[in-house]
Protein backbone atom coordinates (compact mmCIF):
# COMPACT_ATOMS: atom_id res chain seq x y z
CA UNK A 1 -13.25 -15.43 -6.44
CA UNK A 2 -14.80 -17.18 -9.36
CA UNK A 3 -16.43 -15.59 -12.34
CA UNK A 4 -15.59 -13.68 -15.46
CA UNK A 5 -13.73 -10.45 -15.07
CA UNK A 6 -13.11 -7.77 -17.69
CA UNK A 7 -9.69 -7.92 -19.37
CA UNK A 8 -7.78 -5.48 -17.15
CA UNK A 9 -4.72 -5.86 -19.37
CA UNK A 10 -6.29 -3.46 -21.88
CA UNK A 11 -5.99 -0.52 -19.48
CA UNK A 12 -2.42 -1.24 -18.37
CA UNK A 13 -0.13 1.19 -20.21
CA UNK A 14 2.35 -0.59 -22.45
CA UNK A 15 4.19 2.49 -23.67
CA UNK A 16 6.33 4.78 -21.54
CA UNK A 17 8.77 7.64 -22.09
CA UNK A 18 9.78 8.38 -18.51
CA UNK A 19 10.63 5.87 -15.77
CA UNK A 20 11.14 7.08 -12.22
CA UNK A 21 12.36 5.33 -9.08
CA UNK A 22 11.40 7.02 -5.85
CA UNK A 23 11.69 6.14 -2.16
CA UNK A 24 8.27 5.10 -0.90
CA UNK A 25 8.57 6.68 2.55
CA UNK A 26 9.68 10.04 1.13
CA UNK A 27 6.86 10.03 -1.40
CA UNK A 28 4.32 9.15 1.30
CA UNK A 29 5.54 11.87 3.66
CA UNK A 30 5.64 14.55 0.96
CA UNK A 31 2.27 13.59 -0.49
CA UNK A 32 0.66 13.79 2.96
CA UNK A 33 2.33 17.14 3.60
CA UNK A 34 1.12 18.70 0.34
CA UNK A 35 -2.33 17.13 0.72
CA UNK A 36 -3.06 19.68 3.45
CA UNK A 37 -2.93 22.42 0.81
CA UNK A 38 -4.71 20.36 -1.87
CA UNK A 39 -7.95 19.71 0.00
CA UNK A 40 -9.49 22.94 -1.27
CA UNK A 41 -8.71 21.96 -4.87
CA UNK A 42 -10.40 18.55 -5.29
CA UNK A 43 -7.49 16.75 -3.59
CA UNK A 44 -5.26 17.30 -6.63
CA UNK A 45 -1.49 17.41 -6.18
CA UNK A 46 0.96 18.19 -8.98
CA UNK A 47 3.89 15.80 -9.31
CA UNK A 48 6.68 17.37 -11.35
CA UNK A 49 9.24 14.65 -12.18
CA UNK A 50 12.48 16.38 -13.25
CA UNK A 51 16.18 15.69 -13.47
CA UNK A 52 16.50 17.97 -10.41
CA UNK A 53 14.10 15.80 -8.37
CA UNK A 54 10.40 15.34 -7.72
CA UNK A 55 8.60 18.56 -6.86
CA UNK A 56 5.16 18.23 -5.27
CA UNK A 57 2.79 21.18 -5.04
CA UNK A 58 -0.94 21.86 -4.73
CA UNK A 59 -2.82 22.41 -7.98
CA UNK A 60 -3.17 26.14 -7.34
CA UNK A 61 -1.27 28.78 -5.44
CA UNK A 62 2.01 26.90 -5.23
CA UNK A 63 4.92 28.71 -3.61
CA UNK A 64 8.04 27.76 -1.70
CA UNK A 65 6.03 27.46 1.52
CA UNK A 66 3.73 24.74 0.17
CA UNK A 67 6.06 22.83 -2.15
CA UNK A 68 8.28 19.83 -1.40
CA UNK A 69 11.22 18.37 -3.28
CA UNK A 70 12.80 14.94 -3.06
CA UNK A 71 15.51 12.99 -4.82
CA UNK A 72 14.54 10.54 -7.56
CA UNK A 73 16.18 8.46 -10.26
CA UNK A 74 14.71 9.42 -13.63
CA UNK A 75 15.18 8.05 -17.13
CA UNK A 76 13.58 10.02 -19.94
CA UNK A 77 12.15 13.52 -20.29
CA UNK A 78 10.83 15.61 -17.41
CA UNK A 79 7.07 15.41 -16.97
CA UNK A 80 4.42 17.06 -14.79
CA UNK A 81 1.22 15.18 -13.92
CA UNK A 82 -1.67 15.74 -11.52
CA UNK A 83 -3.05 13.04 -9.23
CA UNK A 84 -5.72 12.81 -6.60
CA UNK A 85 -3.39 12.33 -3.65
CA UNK A 86 -5.75 9.83 -2.00
CA UNK A 87 -5.12 7.28 -4.76
CA UNK A 88 -1.36 7.70 -4.45
CA UNK A 89 -1.50 7.22 -0.67
CA UNK A 90 -3.74 4.17 -1.11
CA UNK A 91 -1.11 2.51 -3.33
CA UNK A 92 1.78 3.47 -1.05
CA UNK A 93 -0.04 2.04 1.98
CA UNK A 94 -0.29 -1.33 0.25
CA UNK A 95 3.18 -1.79 -1.22
CA UNK A 96 5.88 -3.42 0.90
CA UNK A 97 9.01 -2.36 -1.00
CA UNK A 98 11.22 0.59 -0.08
CA UNK A 99 11.13 1.95 -3.63
CA UNK A 100 8.34 2.57 -6.11
CA UNK A 101 8.64 2.66 -9.89
CA UNK A 102 6.51 5.18 -11.80
CA UNK A 103 6.14 4.80 -15.58
CA UNK A 104 4.79 7.78 -17.54
CA UNK A 105 4.05 8.47 -21.19
CA UNK A 106 2.51 11.96 -21.18
CA UNK A 107 0.49 14.10 -18.73
CA UNK A 108 -2.90 13.01 -20.11
CA UNK A 109 -2.16 9.27 -20.29
CA UNK A 110 -2.57 6.59 -17.60
CA UNK A 111 0.38 6.31 -15.23
CA UNK A 112 1.66 3.01 -13.89
CA UNK A 113 2.85 2.78 -10.27
CA UNK A 114 4.48 -0.54 -9.50
CA UNK A 115 6.82 -2.51 -7.31
CA UNK A 116 10.39 -2.81 -8.61
CA UNK A 117 10.40 -6.44 -7.43
CA UNK A 118 6.96 -7.70 -8.49
CA UNK A 119 5.46 -6.80 -11.89
CA UNK A 120 2.12 -8.28 -10.84
CA UNK A 121 1.61 -5.63 -8.12
CA UNK A 122 0.73 -2.31 -9.73
CA UNK A 123 -1.66 0.64 -9.64
CA UNK A 124 -2.95 2.68 -12.57
C-alpha cells in the first residue's frame, strides 16, 4: 500500500516494568474459557500477572469457579490489567510462535504483546 501513514511508533510503549512470557495455547484456552463469564461485563477480562502465575477472571463476580491460573515466566513486579478479551484472541490467532511476550508498565498504560522471535510483529 502506498501513501502516508501516521507515525505508529509514537504509540508503541518504550518503557516497561514487567515482562512476561506465556504459552500462547494456554493463554488462548484460558481467555476463551473466561470470556464466557465476561460477556455480561463489556467483554472485559482481568489478567493478574503474578509470581505465582497468570490468573484470569471476569471483571466482576470472580470466584474459584470462574477463574483460571496458568504458569508464566515473569520479570518485575506483579501487575493486574483489564483487557477486552476479543483483542487478545485476535492477536493470539495471528501469531505463529508457541510463546508470547507481554510488556507492561502500569495498569493504565498501553501494553505491548509481541513475538519473542520477531520484534516487528506486535499488538498494543
